[in-house]
Amino acid sequence: MTEPEYRSSSGISRNVRITAYVVIVGLIAWFFFAWLGLDRHVLDAAGESVGSGLLLLLIVSIAGMLLKRG
């Protein structure tokens, strides 16, 4: 038998929270890289970051649907 996963009072497991924090930090880093490193306009860099986040949400949603089906 496996050990039960630690769950906070919100019901989200620790692994999910850590993954979410890593993704958020990655998107913020991508914003600053696009803005300062690639010399894009602030709104373009923000759009790239938000668009990347939405793409990740779409991929997770489709993967979750496919995993629940099977």
N, C-alpha and C. Protein backbone atom coordinates (compact mmCIF):
# COMPACT_ATOMS: atom_id res chain seq x y z
N MET A 1 0.83 -1.18 0.00
CA MET A 1 0.00 0.00 0.00
C MET A 1 0.87 1.24 0.00
N THR A 2 0.46 2.25 -0.72
CA THR A 2 1.26 3.47 -0.77
C THR A 2 0.85 4.41 0.34
N GLU A 3 1.77 5.30 0.67
CA GLU A 3 1.48 6.29 1.70
C GLU A 3 0.52 7.34 1.14
N PRO A 4 -0.39 7.85 1.96
CA PRO A 4 -1.30 8.88 1.46
C PRO A 4 -0.53 10.16 1.17
N GLU A 5 -0.94 10.85 0.10
CA GLU A 5 -0.30 12.12 -0.25
C GLU A 5 -0.71 13.19 0.74
N TYR A 6 0.24 14.07 1.04
CA TYR A 6 -0.06 15.19 1.92
C TYR A 6 -0.99 16.15 1.19
N ARG A 7 -2.07 16.52 1.83
CA ARG A 7 -3.00 17.48 1.24
C ARG A 7 -3.19 18.63 2.22
N SER A 8 -3.19 19.83 1.66
CA SER A 8 -3.39 21.00 2.50
C SER A 8 -4.88 21.17 2.76
N SER A 9 -5.22 22.21 3.48
CA SER A 9 -6.63 22.45 3.78
C SER A 9 -7.44 22.76 2.53
N SER A 10 -6.76 23.20 1.45
CA SER A 10 -7.47 23.50 0.21
C SER A 10 -7.71 22.25 -0.63
N GLY A 11 -7.11 21.11 -0.26
CA GLY A 11 -7.33 19.87 -0.98
C GLY A 11 -6.38 19.65 -2.13
N ILE A 12 -5.38 20.52 -2.31
CA ILE A 12 -4.43 20.38 -3.40
C ILE A 12 -3.18 19.70 -2.86
N SER A 13 -2.71 18.68 -3.57
CA SER A 13 -1.55 17.94 -3.09
C SER A 13 -0.29 18.80 -3.20
N ARG A 14 0.71 18.39 -2.46
CA ARG A 14 1.96 19.15 -2.43
C ARG A 14 2.65 19.15 -3.78
N ASN A 15 2.61 18.03 -4.50
CA ASN A 15 3.24 17.94 -5.82
C ASN A 15 2.59 18.89 -6.82
N VAL A 16 1.28 19.01 -6.75
CA VAL A 16 0.57 19.90 -7.67
C VAL A 16 0.92 21.35 -7.36
N ARG A 17 1.00 21.70 -6.07
CA ARG A 17 1.37 23.07 -5.70
C ARG A 17 2.79 23.40 -6.15
N ILE A 18 3.72 22.48 -5.96
CA ILE A 18 5.10 22.72 -6.38
C ILE A 18 5.18 22.89 -7.89
N THR A 19 4.46 22.04 -8.63
CA THR A 19 4.45 22.15 -10.09
C THR A 19 3.86 23.49 -10.53
N ALA A 20 2.79 23.92 -9.87
CA ALA A 20 2.18 25.20 -10.22
C ALA A 20 3.14 26.36 -9.94
N TYR A 21 3.85 26.31 -8.82
CA TYR A 21 4.82 27.37 -8.51
C TYR A 21 5.94 27.40 -9.54
N VAL A 22 6.42 26.23 -9.96
CA VAL A 22 7.49 26.18 -10.96
C VAL A 22 7.01 26.77 -12.28
N VAL A 23 5.79 26.44 -12.68
CA VAL A 23 5.25 26.97 -13.93
C VAL A 23 5.07 28.48 -13.84
N ILE A 24 4.56 28.98 -12.72
CA ILE A 24 4.37 30.42 -12.55
C ILE A 24 5.71 31.15 -12.61
N VAL A 25 6.71 30.62 -11.92
CA VAL A 25 8.04 31.26 -11.96
C VAL A 25 8.61 31.20 -13.38
N GLY A 26 8.39 30.10 -14.07
CA GLY A 26 8.85 29.99 -15.46
C GLY A 26 8.19 31.00 -16.38
N LEU A 27 6.90 31.21 -16.21
CA LEU A 27 6.20 32.19 -17.04
C LEU A 27 6.66 33.61 -16.73
N ILE A 28 6.90 33.91 -15.47
CA ILE A 28 7.41 35.23 -15.11
C ILE A 28 8.82 35.42 -15.67
N ALA A 29 9.64 34.38 -15.58
CA ALA A 29 10.99 34.45 -16.14
C ALA A 29 10.93 34.65 -17.66
N TRP A 30 9.99 33.96 -18.32
CA TRP A 30 9.83 34.12 -19.76
C TRP A 30 9.42 35.56 -20.10
N PHE A 31 8.55 36.16 -19.30
CA PHE A 31 8.16 37.55 -19.51
C PHE A 31 9.38 38.47 -19.47
N PHE A 32 10.18 38.33 -18.41
CA PHE A 32 11.35 39.21 -18.28
C PHE A 32 12.39 38.94 -19.35
N PHE A 33 12.56 37.69 -19.75
CA PHE A 33 13.49 37.37 -20.83
C PHE A 33 13.03 37.98 -22.14
N ALA A 34 11.74 37.85 -22.45
CA ALA A 34 11.23 38.42 -23.70
C ALA A 34 11.29 39.94 -23.68
N TRP A 35 11.01 40.52 -22.52
CA TRP A 35 11.00 41.98 -22.41
C TRP A 35 12.41 42.56 -22.44
N LEU A 36 13.29 42.05 -21.58
CA LEU A 36 14.61 42.63 -21.45
C LEU A 36 15.65 41.96 -22.35
N GLY A 37 15.59 40.65 -22.47
CA GLY A 37 16.59 39.94 -23.26
C GLY A 37 16.36 40.02 -24.75
N LEU A 38 15.11 39.85 -25.17
CA LEU A 38 14.78 39.89 -26.60
C LEU A 38 14.34 41.27 -27.05
N ASP A 39 14.27 42.22 -26.11
CA ASP A 39 13.93 43.62 -26.38
C ASP A 39 12.57 43.77 -27.08
N ARG A 40 11.60 43.06 -26.56
CA ARG A 40 10.23 43.21 -27.06
C ARG A 40 9.51 44.26 -26.23
N HIS A 41 8.43 44.77 -26.76
CA HIS A 41 7.61 45.73 -26.02
C HIS A 41 6.99 45.01 -24.83
N VAL A 42 6.69 45.75 -23.77
CA VAL A 42 6.16 45.15 -22.54
C VAL A 42 4.88 44.37 -22.82
N LEU A 43 3.98 44.95 -23.61
CA LEU A 43 2.71 44.27 -23.88
C LEU A 43 2.92 43.01 -24.72
N ASP A 44 3.87 43.04 -25.65
CA ASP A 44 4.17 41.83 -26.43
C ASP A 44 4.73 40.73 -25.53
N ALA A 45 5.63 41.11 -24.63
CA ALA A 45 6.22 40.13 -23.72
C ALA A 45 5.15 39.55 -22.79
N ALA A 46 4.26 40.40 -22.30
CA ALA A 46 3.17 39.92 -21.44
C ALA A 46 2.24 39.00 -22.22
N GLY A 47 1.96 39.35 -23.46
CA GLY A 47 1.11 38.51 -24.29
C GLY A 47 1.72 37.15 -24.55
N GLU A 48 3.03 37.12 -24.77
CA GLU A 48 3.71 35.84 -24.96
C GLU A 48 3.61 34.99 -23.70
N SER A 49 3.81 35.60 -22.56
CA SER A 49 3.76 34.86 -21.30
C SER A 49 2.35 34.34 -21.01
N VAL A 50 1.36 35.19 -21.19
CA VAL A 50 -0.02 34.77 -20.94
C VAL A 50 -0.44 33.70 -21.96
N GLY A 51 -0.06 33.88 -23.20
CA GLY A 51 -0.39 32.89 -24.22
C GLY A 51 0.25 31.55 -23.94
N SER A 52 1.48 31.57 -23.46
CA SER A 52 2.16 30.31 -23.10
C SER A 52 1.45 29.64 -21.94
N GLY A 53 1.01 30.43 -20.95
CA GLY A 53 0.28 29.87 -19.82
C GLY A 53 -1.04 29.25 -20.25
N LEU A 54 -1.75 29.92 -21.15
CA LEU A 54 -3.01 29.37 -21.65
C LEU A 54 -2.79 28.09 -22.45
N LEU A 55 -1.71 28.05 -23.22
CA LEU A 55 -1.39 26.83 -23.96
C LEU A 55 -1.11 25.67 -23.01
N LEU A 56 -0.37 25.94 -21.93
CA LEU A 56 -0.11 24.89 -20.94
C LEU A 56 -1.40 24.41 -20.29
N LEU A 57 -2.31 25.34 -19.97
CA LEU A 57 -3.60 24.94 -19.40
C LEU A 57 -4.40 24.07 -20.37
N LEU A 58 -4.37 24.41 -21.65
CA LEU A 58 -5.07 23.63 -22.66
C LEU A 58 -4.49 22.22 -22.75
N ILE A 59 -3.16 22.12 -22.74
CA ILE A 59 -2.51 20.81 -22.82
C ILE A 59 -2.85 19.96 -21.60
N VAL A 60 -2.82 20.56 -20.42
CA VAL A 60 -3.17 19.82 -19.19
C VAL A 60 -4.63 19.38 -19.23
N SER A 61 -5.50 20.23 -19.73
CA SER A 61 -6.92 19.89 -19.80
C SER A 61 -7.16 18.71 -20.75
N ILE A 62 -6.54 18.74 -21.90
CA ILE A 62 -6.71 17.66 -22.87
C ILE A 62 -6.11 16.36 -22.32
N ALA A 63 -4.93 16.46 -21.70
CA ALA A 63 -4.31 15.27 -21.12
C ALA A 63 -5.17 14.69 -20.01
N GLY A 64 -5.75 15.53 -19.17
CA GLY A 64 -6.63 15.06 -18.11
C GLY A 64 -7.86 14.36 -18.66
N MET A 65 -8.42 14.92 -19.71
CA MET A 65 -9.59 14.29 -20.32
C MET A 65 -9.23 12.92 -20.90
N LEU A 66 -8.10 12.84 -21.58
CA LEU A 66 -7.70 11.57 -22.18
C LEU A 66 -7.37 10.52 -21.11
N LEU A 67 -6.79 10.95 -20.01
CA LEU A 67 -6.46 10.00 -18.95
C LEU A 67 -7.70 9.50 -18.22
N LYS A 68 -8.70 10.34 -18.09
CA LYS A 68 -9.95 9.91 -17.42
C LYS A 68 -10.74 8.97 -18.31
N ARG A 69 -10.64 9.13 -19.62
CA ARG A 69 -11.34 8.26 -20.54
C ARG A 69 -10.84 6.83 -20.46
N GLY A 70 -9.53 6.72 -20.44
CA GLY A 70 -8.88 5.40 -20.52
C GLY A 70 -8.79 4.78 -19.20
